[in-house]
Amino acid sequence: KAKNGNEQAIDEIVSQYKGLIRSYANKFFLVGGDKDDLLQEGMLGL
């Protein structure tokens, strides 16, 4: 459903994997950036 663009399905997957993305983002550092930048990158990966 998410692959077909169903926003509710996308939201459900995002909420399910938000913790995983945050845990990966907290392990790394961007010079001149912040954790939000890495969280966004993680969301792009999702």
ModelCIF file with pLDDT and N, C-alpha, C, O atoms, coordinates in Angstrom:
data_MODEL
#
_entry.id   MODEL 
#
_entity.id                         1 
_entity.type                       polymer 
_entity.pdbx_number_of_molecules   1 
#
_entity_poly.entity_id                      1 
_entity_poly.type                           'polypeptide(L)' 
_entity_poly.nstd_linkage                   no 
_entity_poly.nstd_monomer                   no 
_entity_poly.pdbx_seq_one_letter_code       KAKNGNEQAIDEIVSQYKGLIRSYANKFFLVGGDKDDLLQEGMLGL 
_entity_poly.pdbx_seq_one_letter_code_can   KAKNGNEQAIDEIVSQYKGLIRSYANKFFLVGGDKDDLLQEGMLGL 
_entity_poly.pdbx_strand_id                 A 
#
loop_
_entity_poly_seq.entity_id 
_entity_poly_seq.num 
_entity_poly_seq.mon_id 
_entity_poly_seq.hetero 
1 1  LYS n 
1 2  ALA n 
1 3  LYS n 
1 4  ASN n 
1 5  GLY n 
1 6  ASN n 
1 7  GLU n 
1 8  GLN n 
1 9  ALA n 
1 10 ILE n 
1 11 ASP n 
1 12 GLU n 
1 13 ILE n 
1 14 VAL n 
1 15 SER n 
1 16 GLN n 
1 17 TYR n 
1 18 LYS n 
1 19 GLY n 
1 20 LEU n 
1 21 ILE n 
1 22 ARG n 
1 23 SER n 
1 24 TYR n 
1 25 ALA n 
1 26 ASN n 
1 27 LYS n 
1 28 PHE n 
1 29 PHE n 
1 30 LEU n 
1 31 VAL n 
1 32 GLY n 
1 33 GLY n 
1 34 ASP n 
1 35 LYS n 
1 36 ASP n 
1 37 ASP n 
1 38 LEU n 
1 39 LEU n 
1 40 GLN n 
1 41 GLU n 
1 42 GLY n 
1 43 MET n 
1 44 LEU n 
1 45 GLY n 
1 46 LEU n 
#
_struct_asym.id          A 
_struct_asym.entity_id   1 
#
loop_
_ma_qa_metric.id 
_ma_qa_metric.mode 
_ma_qa_metric.name 
_ma_qa_metric.software_group_id 
_ma_qa_metric.type 
1 global pLDDT . pLDDT 
2 local  pLDDT . pLDDT 
#
_ma_qa_metric_global.metric_id      1 
_ma_qa_metric_global.metric_value   85.11 
_ma_qa_metric_global.model_id       1 
_ma_qa_metric_global.ordinal_id     1 
#
loop_
_ma_qa_metric_local.label_asym_id 
_ma_qa_metric_local.label_comp_id 
_ma_qa_metric_local.label_seq_id 
_ma_qa_metric_local.metric_id 
_ma_qa_metric_local.metric_value 
_ma_qa_metric_local.model_id 
_ma_qa_metric_local.ordinal_id 
A LYS 1  2 86.00 1 1  
A ALA 2  2 85.00 1 2  
A LYS 3  2 83.00 1 3  
A ASN 4  2 85.00 1 4  
A GLY 5  2 84.00 1 5  
A ASN 6  2 86.00 1 6  
A GLU 7  2 89.00 1 7  
A GLN 8  2 90.00 1 8  
A ALA 9  2 88.00 1 9  
A ILE 10 2 89.00 1 10 
A ASP 11 2 90.00 1 11 
A GLU 12 2 91.00 1 12 
A ILE 13 2 90.00 1 13 
A VAL 14 2 90.00 1 14 
A SER 15 2 90.00 1 15 
A GLN 16 2 91.00 1 16 
A TYR 17 2 90.00 1 17 
A LYS 18 2 90.00 1 18 
A GLY 19 2 89.00 1 19 
A LEU 20 2 89.00 1 20 
A ILE 21 2 90.00 1 21 
A ARG 22 2 88.00 1 22 
A SER 23 2 88.00 1 23 
A TYR 24 2 85.00 1 24 
A ALA 25 2 85.00 1 25 
A ASN 26 2 83.00 1 26 
A LYS 27 2 84.00 1 27 
A PHE 28 2 79.00 1 28 
A PHE 29 2 75.00 1 29 
A LEU 30 2 71.00 1 30 
A VAL 31 2 67.00 1 31 
A GLY 32 2 63.00 1 32 
A GLY 33 2 69.00 1 33 
A ASP 34 2 70.00 1 34 
A LYS 35 2 76.00 1 35 
A ASP 36 2 81.00 1 36 
A ASP 37 2 85.00 1 37 
A LEU 38 2 85.00 1 38 
A LEU 39 2 89.00 1 39 
A GLN 40 2 90.00 1 40 
A GLU 41 2 90.00 1 41 
A GLY 42 2 90.00 1 42 
A MET 43 2 92.00 1 43 
A LEU 44 2 92.00 1 44 
A GLY 45 2 92.00 1 45 
A LEU 46 2 91.00 1 46 
#
loop_
_atom_site.group_PDB 
_atom_site.id 
_atom_site.type_symbol 
_atom_site.label_atom_id 
_atom_site.label_alt_id 
_atom_site.label_comp_id 
_atom_site.label_asym_id 
_atom_site.label_entity_id 
_atom_site.label_seq_id 
_atom_site.pdbx_PDB_ins_code 
_atom_site.Cartn_x 
_atom_site.Cartn_y 
_atom_site.Cartn_z 
_atom_site.occupancy 
_atom_site.B_iso_or_equiv 
_atom_site.pdbx_formal_charge 
_atom_site.auth_seq_id 
_atom_site.auth_comp_id 
_atom_site.auth_asym_id 
_atom_site.auth_atom_id 
_atom_site.pdbx_PDB_model_num 
ATOM 1   N N  . LYS A 1 1  ? 0.839  -1.208 0.000  1.00 86.00 ? 1  LYS A N  1 
ATOM 2   C CA . LYS A 1 1  ? 0.000  0.000  0.000  1.00 86.00 ? 1  LYS A CA 1 
ATOM 3   C C  . LYS A 1 1  ? 0.874  1.258  0.000  1.00 86.00 ? 1  LYS A C  1 
ATOM 4   O O  . LYS A 1 1  ? 0.605  2.211  -0.732 1.00 86.00 ? 1  LYS A O  1 
ATOM 5   N N  . ALA A 1 2  ? 1.923  1.247  0.832  1.00 85.00 ? 2  ALA A N  1 
ATOM 6   C CA . ALA A 1 2  ? 2.820  2.397  0.902  1.00 85.00 ? 2  ALA A CA 1 
ATOM 7   C C  . ALA A 1 2  ? 3.528  2.618  -0.427 1.00 85.00 ? 2  ALA A C  1 
ATOM 8   O O  . ALA A 1 2  ? 3.711  3.754  -0.866 1.00 85.00 ? 2  ALA A O  1 
ATOM 9   N N  . LYS A 1 3  ? 3.920  1.531  -1.052 1.00 83.00 ? 3  LYS A N  1 
ATOM 10  C CA . LYS A 1 3  ? 4.594  1.606  -2.349 1.00 83.00 ? 3  LYS A CA 1 
ATOM 11  C C  . LYS A 1 3  ? 3.681  2.226  -3.404 1.00 83.00 ? 3  LYS A C  1 
ATOM 12  O O  . LYS A 1 3  ? 4.152  2.878  -4.336 1.00 83.00 ? 3  LYS A O  1 
ATOM 13  N N  . ASN A 1 4  ? 2.387  2.022  -3.253 1.00 85.00 ? 4  ASN A N  1 
ATOM 14  C CA . ASN A 1 4  ? 1.411  2.584  -4.186 1.00 85.00 ? 4  ASN A CA 1 
ATOM 15  C C  . ASN A 1 4  ? 0.969  3.996  -3.796 1.00 85.00 ? 4  ASN A C  1 
ATOM 16  O O  . ASN A 1 4  ? 0.100  4.571  -4.451 1.00 85.00 ? 4  ASN A O  1 
ATOM 17  N N  . GLY A 1 5  ? 1.557  4.556  -2.739 1.00 84.00 ? 5  GLY A N  1 
ATOM 18  C CA . GLY A 1 5  ? 1.287  5.938  -2.374 1.00 84.00 ? 5  GLY A CA 1 
ATOM 19  C C  . GLY A 1 5  ? 0.255  6.136  -1.293 1.00 84.00 ? 5  GLY A C  1 
ATOM 20  O O  . GLY A 1 5  ? -0.168 7.271  -1.073 1.00 84.00 ? 5  GLY A O  1 
ATOM 21  N N  . ASN A 1 6  ? -0.171 5.103  -0.611 1.00 86.00 ? 6  ASN A N  1 
ATOM 22  C CA . ASN A 1 6  ? -1.141 5.225  0.468  1.00 86.00 ? 6  ASN A CA 1 
ATOM 23  C C  . ASN A 1 6  ? -0.473 5.919  1.653  1.00 86.00 ? 6  ASN A C  1 
ATOM 24  O O  . ASN A 1 6  ? 0.426  5.362  2.283  1.00 86.00 ? 6  ASN A O  1 
ATOM 25  N N  . GLU A 1 7  ? -0.918 7.132  1.949  1.00 89.00 ? 7  GLU A N  1 
ATOM 26  C CA . GLU A 1 7  ? -0.268 7.934  2.995  1.00 89.00 ? 7  GLU A CA 1 
ATOM 27  C C  . GLU A 1 7  ? -0.398 7.327  4.375  1.00 89.00 ? 7  GLU A C  1 
ATOM 28  O O  . GLU A 1 7  ? 0.528  7.423  5.180  1.00 89.00 ? 7  GLU A O  1 
ATOM 29  N N  . GLN A 1 8  ? -1.521 6.708  4.662  1.00 90.00 ? 8  GLN A N  1 
ATOM 30  C CA . GLN A 1 8  ? -1.717 6.079  5.971  1.00 90.00 ? 8  GLN A CA 1 
ATOM 31  C C  . GLN A 1 8  ? -0.719 4.936  6.156  1.00 90.00 ? 8  GLN A C  1 
ATOM 32  O O  . GLN A 1 8  ? -0.165 4.765  7.242  1.00 90.00 ? 8  GLN A O  1 
ATOM 33  N N  . ALA A 1 9  ? -0.491 4.162  5.111  1.00 88.00 ? 9  ALA A N  1 
ATOM 34  C CA . ALA A 1 9  ? 0.472  3.063  5.185  1.00 88.00 ? 9  ALA A CA 1 
ATOM 35  C C  . ALA A 1 9  ? 1.892  3.606  5.349  1.00 88.00 ? 9  ALA A C  1 
ATOM 36  O O  . ALA A 1 9  ? 2.692  3.053  6.104  1.00 88.00 ? 9  ALA A O  1 
ATOM 37  N N  . ILE A 1 10 ? 2.196  4.690  4.639  1.00 89.00 ? 10 ILE A N  1 
ATOM 38  C CA . ILE A 1 10 ? 3.521  5.310  4.757  1.00 89.00 ? 10 ILE A CA 1 
ATOM 39  C C  . ILE A 1 10 ? 3.736  5.812  6.184  1.00 89.00 ? 10 ILE A C  1 
ATOM 40  O O  . ILE A 1 10 ? 4.789  5.586  6.780  1.00 89.00 ? 10 ILE A O  1 
ATOM 41  N N  . ASP A 1 11 ? 2.721  6.500  6.727  1.00 90.00 ? 11 ASP A N  1 
ATOM 42  C CA . ASP A 1 11 ? 2.812  7.011  8.102  1.00 90.00 ? 11 ASP A CA 1 
ATOM 43  C C  . ASP A 1 11 ? 3.021  5.879  9.100  1.00 90.00 ? 11 ASP A C  1 
ATOM 44  O O  . ASP A 1 11 ? 3.788  6.021  10.052 1.00 90.00 ? 11 ASP A O  1 
ATOM 45  N N  . GLU A 1 12 ? 2.345  4.760  8.886  1.00 91.00 ? 12 GLU A N  1 
ATOM 46  C CA . GLU A 1 12 ? 2.480  3.621  9.791  1.00 91.00 ? 12 GLU A CA 1 
ATOM 47  C C  . GLU A 1 12 ? 3.900  3.051  9.744  1.00 91.00 ? 12 GLU A C  1 
ATOM 48  O O  . GLU A 1 12 ? 4.478  2.720  10.780 1.00 91.00 ? 12 GLU A O  1 
ATOM 49  N N  . ILE A 1 13 ? 4.449  2.942  8.549  1.00 90.00 ? 13 ILE A N  1 
ATOM 50  C CA . ILE A 1 13 ? 5.828  2.430  8.406  1.00 90.00 ? 13 ILE A CA 1 
ATOM 51  C C  . ILE A 1 13 ? 6.822  3.412  9.009  1.00 90.00 ? 13 ILE A C  1 
ATOM 52  O O  . ILE A 1 13 ? 7.762  3.000  9.688  1.00 90.00 ? 13 ILE A O  1 
ATOM 53  N N  . VAL A 1 14 ? 6.626  4.707  8.770  1.00 90.00 ? 14 VAL A N  1 
ATOM 54  C CA . VAL A 1 14 ? 7.527  5.729  9.318  1.00 90.00 ? 14 VAL A CA 1 
ATOM 55  C C  . VAL A 1 14 ? 7.512  5.679  10.838 1.00 90.00 ? 14 VAL A C  1 
ATOM 56  O O  . VAL A 1 14 ? 8.570  5.711  11.466 1.00 90.00 ? 14 VAL A O  1 
ATOM 57  N N  . SER A 1 15 ? 6.336  5.601  11.434 1.00 90.00 ? 15 SER A N  1 
ATOM 58  C CA . SER A 1 15 ? 6.266  5.557  12.905 1.00 90.00 ? 15 SER A CA 1 
ATOM 59  C C  . SER A 1 15 ? 6.891  4.277  13.450 1.00 90.00 ? 15 SER A C  1 
ATOM 60  O O  . SER A 1 15 ? 7.453  4.274  14.545 1.00 90.00 ? 15 SER A O  1 
ATOM 61  N N  . GLN A 1 16 ? 6.793  3.193  12.690 1.00 91.00 ? 16 GLN A N  1 
ATOM 62  C CA . GLN A 1 16 ? 7.366  1.918  13.132 1.00 91.00 ? 16 GLN A CA 1 
ATOM 63  C C  . GLN A 1 16 ? 8.901  1.952  13.086 1.00 91.00 ? 16 GLN A C  1 
ATOM 64  O O  . GLN A 1 16 ? 9.545  1.335  13.935 1.00 91.00 ? 16 GLN A O  1 
ATOM 65  N N  . TYR A 1 17 ? 9.497  2.655  12.121 1.00 90.00 ? 17 TYR A N  1 
ATOM 66  C CA . TYR A 1 17 ? 10.949 2.641  11.938 1.00 90.00 ? 17 TYR A CA 1 
ATOM 67  C C  . TYR A 1 17 ? 11.640 3.924  12.411 1.00 90.00 ? 17 TYR A C  1 
ATOM 68  O O  . TYR A 1 17 ? 12.849 4.075  12.236 1.00 90.00 ? 17 TYR A O  1 
ATOM 69  N N  . LYS A 1 18 ? 10.893 4.833  12.999 1.00 90.00 ? 18 LYS A N  1 
ATOM 70  C CA . LYS A 1 18 ? 11.474 6.095  13.478 1.00 90.00 ? 18 LYS A CA 1 
ATOM 71  C C  . LYS A 1 18 ? 12.572 5.853  14.511 1.00 90.00 ? 18 LYS A C  1 
ATOM 72  O O  . LYS A 1 18 ? 13.612 6.511  14.479 1.00 90.00 ? 18 LYS A O  1 
ATOM 73  N N  . GLY A 1 19 ? 12.345 4.923  15.416 1.00 89.00 ? 19 GLY A N  1 
ATOM 74  C CA . GLY A 1 19 ? 13.340 4.602  16.442 1.00 89.00 ? 19 GLY A CA 1 
ATOM 75  C C  . GLY A 1 19 ? 14.622 4.046  15.853 1.00 89.00 ? 19 GLY A C  1 
ATOM 76  O O  . GLY A 1 19 ? 15.719 4.391  16.294 1.00 89.00 ? 19 GLY A O  1 
ATOM 77  N N  . LEU A 1 20 ? 14.484 3.188  14.860 1.00 89.00 ? 20 LEU A N  1 
ATOM 78  C CA . LEU A 1 20 ? 15.653 2.608  14.192 1.00 89.00 ? 20 LEU A CA 1 
ATOM 79  C C  . LEU A 1 20 ? 16.465 3.712  13.515 1.00 89.00 ? 20 LEU A C  1 
ATOM 80  O O  . LEU A 1 20 ? 17.690 3.746  13.630 1.00 89.00 ? 20 LEU A O  1 
ATOM 81  N N  . ILE A 1 21 ? 15.787 4.603  12.819 1.00 90.00 ? 21 ILE A N  1 
ATOM 82  C CA . ILE A 1 21 ? 16.472 5.699  12.129 1.00 90.00 ? 21 ILE A CA 1 
ATOM 83  C C  . ILE A 1 21 ? 17.190 6.584  13.138 1.00 90.00 ? 21 ILE A C  1 
ATOM 84  O O  . ILE A 1 21 ? 18.334 6.978  12.913 1.00 90.00 ? 21 ILE A O  1 
ATOM 85  N N  . ARG A 1 22 ? 16.534 6.897  14.239 1.00 88.00 ? 22 ARG A N  1 
ATOM 86  C CA . ARG A 1 22 ? 17.144 7.731  15.277 1.00 88.00 ? 22 ARG A CA 1 
ATOM 87  C C  . ARG A 1 22 ? 18.386 7.042  15.866 1.00 88.00 ? 22 ARG A C  1 
ATOM 88  O O  . ARG A 1 22 ? 19.401 7.696  16.103 1.00 88.00 ? 22 ARG A O  1 
ATOM 89  N N  . SER A 1 23 ? 18.308 5.747  16.098 1.00 88.00 ? 23 SER A N  1 
ATOM 90  C CA . SER A 1 23 ? 19.464 5.041  16.688 1.00 88.00 ? 23 SER A CA 1 
ATOM 91  C C  . SER A 1 23 ? 20.648 5.040  15.730 1.00 88.00 ? 23 SER A C  1 
ATOM 92  O O  . SER A 1 23 ? 21.789 5.186  16.169 1.00 88.00 ? 23 SER A O  1 
ATOM 93  N N  . TYR A 1 24 ? 20.401 4.878  14.427 1.00 85.00 ? 24 TYR A N  1 
ATOM 94  C CA . TYR A 1 24 ? 21.492 4.954  13.455 1.00 85.00 ? 24 TYR A CA 1 
ATOM 95  C C  . TYR A 1 24 ? 22.051 6.377  13.365 1.00 85.00 ? 24 TYR A C  1 
ATOM 96  O O  . TYR A 1 24 ? 23.267 6.566  13.311 1.00 85.00 ? 24 TYR A O  1 
ATOM 97  N N  . ALA A 1 25 ? 21.180 7.356  13.349 1.00 85.00 ? 25 ALA A N  1 
ATOM 98  C CA . ALA A 1 25 ? 21.615 8.753  13.220 1.00 85.00 ? 25 ALA A CA 1 
ATOM 99  C C  . ALA A 1 25 ? 22.455 9.182  14.420 1.00 85.00 ? 25 ALA A C  1 
ATOM 100 O O  . ALA A 1 25 ? 23.377 9.983  14.270 1.00 85.00 ? 25 ALA A O  1 
ATOM 101 N N  . ASN A 1 26 ? 22.152 8.664  15.603 1.00 83.00 ? 26 ASN A N  1 
ATOM 102 C CA . ASN A 1 26 ? 22.897 9.044  16.804 1.00 83.00 ? 26 ASN A CA 1 
ATOM 103 C C  . ASN A 1 26 ? 24.310 8.477  16.834 1.00 83.00 ? 26 ASN A C  1 
ATOM 104 O O  . ASN A 1 26 ? 25.130 8.902  17.648 1.00 83.00 ? 26 ASN A O  1 
ATOM 105 N N  . LYS A 1 27 ? 24.600 7.537  15.969 1.00 84.00 ? 27 LYS A N  1 
ATOM 106 C CA . LYS A 1 27 ? 25.938 6.916  15.943 1.00 84.00 ? 27 LYS A CA 1 
ATOM 107 C C  . LYS A 1 27 ? 26.923 7.702  15.091 1.00 84.00 ? 27 LYS A C  1 
ATOM 108 O O  . LYS A 1 27 ? 28.119 7.413  15.107 1.00 84.00 ? 27 LYS A O  1 
ATOM 109 N N  . PHE A 1 28 ? 26.441 8.688  14.349 1.00 79.00 ? 28 PHE A N  1 
ATOM 110 C CA . PHE A 1 28 ? 27.295 9.404  13.414 1.00 79.00 ? 28 PHE A CA 1 
ATOM 111 C C  . PHE A 1 28 ? 27.239 10.902 13.652 1.00 79.00 ? 28 PHE A C  1 
ATOM 112 O O  . PHE A 1 28 ? 26.417 11.404 14.418 1.00 79.00 ? 28 PHE A O  1 
ATOM 113 N N  . PHE A 1 29 ? 28.151 11.611 12.961 1.00 75.00 ? 29 PHE A N  1 
ATOM 114 C CA . PHE A 1 29 ? 28.293 13.047 13.152 1.00 75.00 ? 29 PHE A CA 1 
ATOM 115 C C  . PHE A 1 29 ? 28.575 13.700 11.809 1.00 75.00 ? 29 PHE A C  1 
ATOM 116 O O  . PHE A 1 29 ? 29.371 13.195 11.019 1.00 75.00 ? 29 PHE A O  1 
ATOM 117 N N  . LEU A 1 30 ? 27.917 14.830 11.554 1.00 71.00 ? 30 LEU A N  1 
ATOM 118 C CA . LEU A 1 30 ? 28.180 15.636 10.366 1.00 71.00 ? 30 LEU A CA 1 
ATOM 119 C C  . LEU A 1 30 ? 28.805 16.961 10.790 1.00 71.00 ? 30 LEU A C  1 
ATOM 120 O O  . LEU A 1 30 ? 28.237 17.674 11.617 1.00 71.00 ? 30 LEU A O  1 
ATOM 121 N N  . VAL A 1 31 ? 29.968 17.297 10.234 1.00 67.00 ? 31 VAL A N  1 
ATOM 122 C CA . VAL A 1 31 ? 30.595 18.580 10.527 1.00 67.00 ? 31 VAL A CA 1 
ATOM 123 C C  . VAL A 1 31 ? 29.724 19.664 9.910  1.00 67.00 ? 31 VAL A C  1 
ATOM 124 O O  . VAL A 1 31 ? 29.398 19.613 8.725  1.00 67.00 ? 31 VAL A O  1 
ATOM 125 N N  . GLY A 1 32 ? 29.353 20.640 10.723 1.00 63.00 ? 32 GLY A N  1 
ATOM 126 C CA . GLY A 1 32 ? 28.520 21.724 10.235 1.00 63.00 ? 32 GLY A CA 1 
ATOM 127 C C  . GLY A 1 32 ? 27.053 21.347 10.108 1.00 63.00 ? 32 GLY A C  1 
ATOM 128 O O  . GLY A 1 32 ? 26.245 22.150 9.643  1.00 63.00 ? 32 GLY A O  1 
ATOM 129 N N  . GLY A 1 33 ? 26.712 20.162 10.508 1.00 69.00 ? 33 GLY A N  1 
ATOM 130 C CA . GLY A 1 33 ? 25.323 19.720 10.443 1.00 69.00 ? 33 GLY A CA 1 
ATOM 131 C C  . GLY A 1 33 ? 24.838 19.369 11.832 1.00 69.00 ? 33 GLY A C  1 
ATOM 132 O O  . GLY A 1 33 ? 25.544 19.585 12.816 1.00 69.00 ? 33 GLY A O  1 
ATOM 133 N N  . ASP A 1 34 ? 23.654 18.838 11.913 1.00 70.00 ? 34 ASP A N  1 
ATOM 134 C CA . ASP A 1 34 ? 23.145 18.407 13.204 1.00 70.00 ? 34 ASP A CA 1 
ATOM 135 C C  . ASP A 1 34 ? 22.439 17.069 13.043 1.00 70.00 ? 34 ASP A C  1 
ATOM 136 O O  . ASP A 1 34 ? 22.384 16.510 11.947 1.00 70.00 ? 34 ASP A O  1 
ATOM 137 N N  . LYS A 1 35 ? 21.912 16.572 14.126 1.00 76.00 ? 35 LYS A N  1 
ATOM 138 C CA . LYS A 1 35 ? 21.252 15.265 14.110 1.00 76.00 ? 35 LYS A CA 1 
ATOM 139 C C  . LYS A 1 35 ? 20.044 15.259 13.190 1.00 76.00 ? 35 LYS A C  1 
ATOM 140 O O  . LYS A 1 35 ? 19.721 14.229 12.598 1.00 76.00 ? 35 LYS A O  1 
ATOM 141 N N  . ASP A 1 36 ? 19.377 16.388 13.065 1.00 81.00 ? 36 ASP A N  1 
ATOM 142 C CA . ASP A 1 36 ? 18.213 16.446 12.177 1.00 81.00 ? 36 ASP A CA 1 
ATOM 143 C C  . ASP A 1 36 ? 18.593 16.143 10.734 1.00 81.00 ? 36 ASP A C  1 
ATOM 144 O O  . ASP A 1 36 ? 17.822 15.523 10.002 1.00 81.00 ? 36 ASP A O  1 
ATOM 145 N N  . ASP A 1 37 ? 19.795 16.584 10.322 1.00 85.00 ? 37 ASP A N  1 
ATOM 146 C CA . ASP A 1 37 ? 20.251 16.291 8.968  1.00 85.00 ? 37 ASP A CA 1 
ATOM 147 C C  . ASP A 1 37 ? 20.398 14.790 8.764  1.00 85.00 ? 37 ASP A C  1 
ATOM 148 O O  . ASP A 1 37 ? 19.997 14.250 7.733  1.00 85.00 ? 37 ASP A O  1 
ATOM 149 N N  . LEU A 1 38 ? 20.971 14.127 9.749  1.00 85.00 ? 38 LEU A N  1 
ATOM 150 C CA . LEU A 1 38 ? 21.130 12.680 9.643  1.00 85.00 ? 38 LEU A CA 1 
ATOM 151 C C  . LEU A 1 38 ? 19.788 11.957 9.734  1.00 85.00 ? 38 LEU A C  1 
ATOM 152 O O  . LEU A 1 38 ? 19.586 10.934 9.079  1.00 85.00 ? 38 LEU A O  1 
ATOM 153 N N  . LEU A 1 39 ? 18.881 12.481 10.535 1.00 89.00 ? 39 LEU A N  1 
ATOM 154 C CA . LEU A 1 39 ? 17.538 11.895 10.593 1.00 89.00 ? 39 LEU A CA 1 
ATOM 155 C C  . LEU A 1 39 ? 16.848 12.002 9.238  1.00 89.00 ? 39 LEU A C  1 
ATOM 156 O O  . LEU A 1 39 ? 16.178 11.065 8.804  1.00 89.00 ? 39 LEU A O  1 
ATOM 157 N N  . GLN A 1 40 ? 17.008 13.124 8.580  1.00 90.00 ? 40 GLN A N  1 
ATOM 158 C CA . GLN A 1 40 ? 16.429 13.285 7.248  1.00 90.00 ? 40 GLN A CA 1 
ATOM 159 C C  . GLN A 1 40 ? 17.033 12.299 6.259  1.00 90.00 ? 40 GLN A C  1 
ATOM 160 O O  . GLN A 1 40 ? 16.326 11.722 5.432  1.00 90.00 ? 40 GLN A O  1 
ATOM 161 N N  . GLU A 1 41 ? 18.342 12.110 6.352  1.00 90.00 ? 41 GLU A N  1 
ATOM 162 C CA . GLU A 1 41 ? 18.993 11.132 5.483  1.00 90.00 ? 41 GLU A CA 1 
ATOM 163 C C  . GLU A 1 41 ? 18.436 9.736  5.747  1.00 90.00 ? 41 GLU A C  1 
ATOM 164 O O  . GLU A 1 41 ? 18.198 8.967  4.816  1.00 90.00 ? 41 GLU A O  1 
ATOM 165 N N  . GLY A 1 42 ? 18.233 9.421  7.013  1.00 90.00 ? 42 GLY A N  1 
ATOM 166 C CA . GLY A 1 42 ? 17.653 8.127  7.366  1.00 90.00 ? 42 GLY A CA 1 
ATOM 167 C C  . GLY A 1 42 ? 16.246 7.971  6.811  1.00 90.00 ? 42 GLY A C  1 
ATOM 168 O O  . GLY A 1 42 ? 15.872 6.895  6.344  1.00 90.00 ? 42 GLY A O  1 
ATOM 169 N N  . MET A 1 43 ? 15.468 9.043  6.863  1.00 92.00 ? 43 MET A N  1 
ATOM 170 C CA . MET A 1 43 ? 14.107 9.004  6.297  1.00 92.00 ? 43 MET A CA 1 
ATOM 171 C C  . MET A 1 43 ? 14.159 8.792  4.785  1.00 92.00 ? 43 MET A C  1 
ATOM 172 O O  . MET A 1 43 ? 13.326 8.080  4.223  1.00 92.00 ? 43 MET A O  1 
ATOM 173 N N  . LEU A 1 44 ? 15.136 9.411  4.136  1.00 92.00 ? 44 LEU A N  1 
ATOM 174 C CA . LEU A 1 44 ? 15.294 9.171  2.700  1.00 92.00 ? 44 LEU A CA 1 
ATOM 175 C C  . LEU A 1 44 ? 15.593 7.698  2.429  1.00 92.00 ? 44 LEU A C  1 
ATOM 176 O O  . LEU A 1 44 ? 15.072 7.107  1.483  1.00 92.00 ? 44 LEU A O  1 
ATOM 177 N N  . GLY A 1 45 ? 16.443 7.118  3.280  1.00 92.00 ? 45 GLY A N  1 
ATOM 178 C CA . GLY A 1 45 ? 16.733 5.687  3.151  1.00 92.00 ? 45 GLY A CA 1 
ATOM 179 C C  . GLY A 1 45 ? 15.483 4.843  3.329  1.00 92.00 ? 45 GLY A C  1 
ATOM 180 O O  . GLY A 1 45 ? 15.286 3.860  2.615  1.00 92.00 ? 45 GLY A O  1 
ATOM 181 N N  . LEU A 1 46 ? 14.638 5.223  4.280  1.00 91.00 ? 46 LEU A N  1 
ATOM 182 C CA . LEU A 1 46 ? 13.384 4.498  4.508  1.00 91.00 ? 46 LEU A CA 1 
ATOM 183 C C  . LEU A 1 46 ? 12.468 4.605  3.288  1.00 91.00 ? 46 LEU A C  1 
ATOM 184 O O  . LEU A 1 46 ? 11.366 4.058  3.293  1.00 91.00 ? 46 LEU A O  1 
#
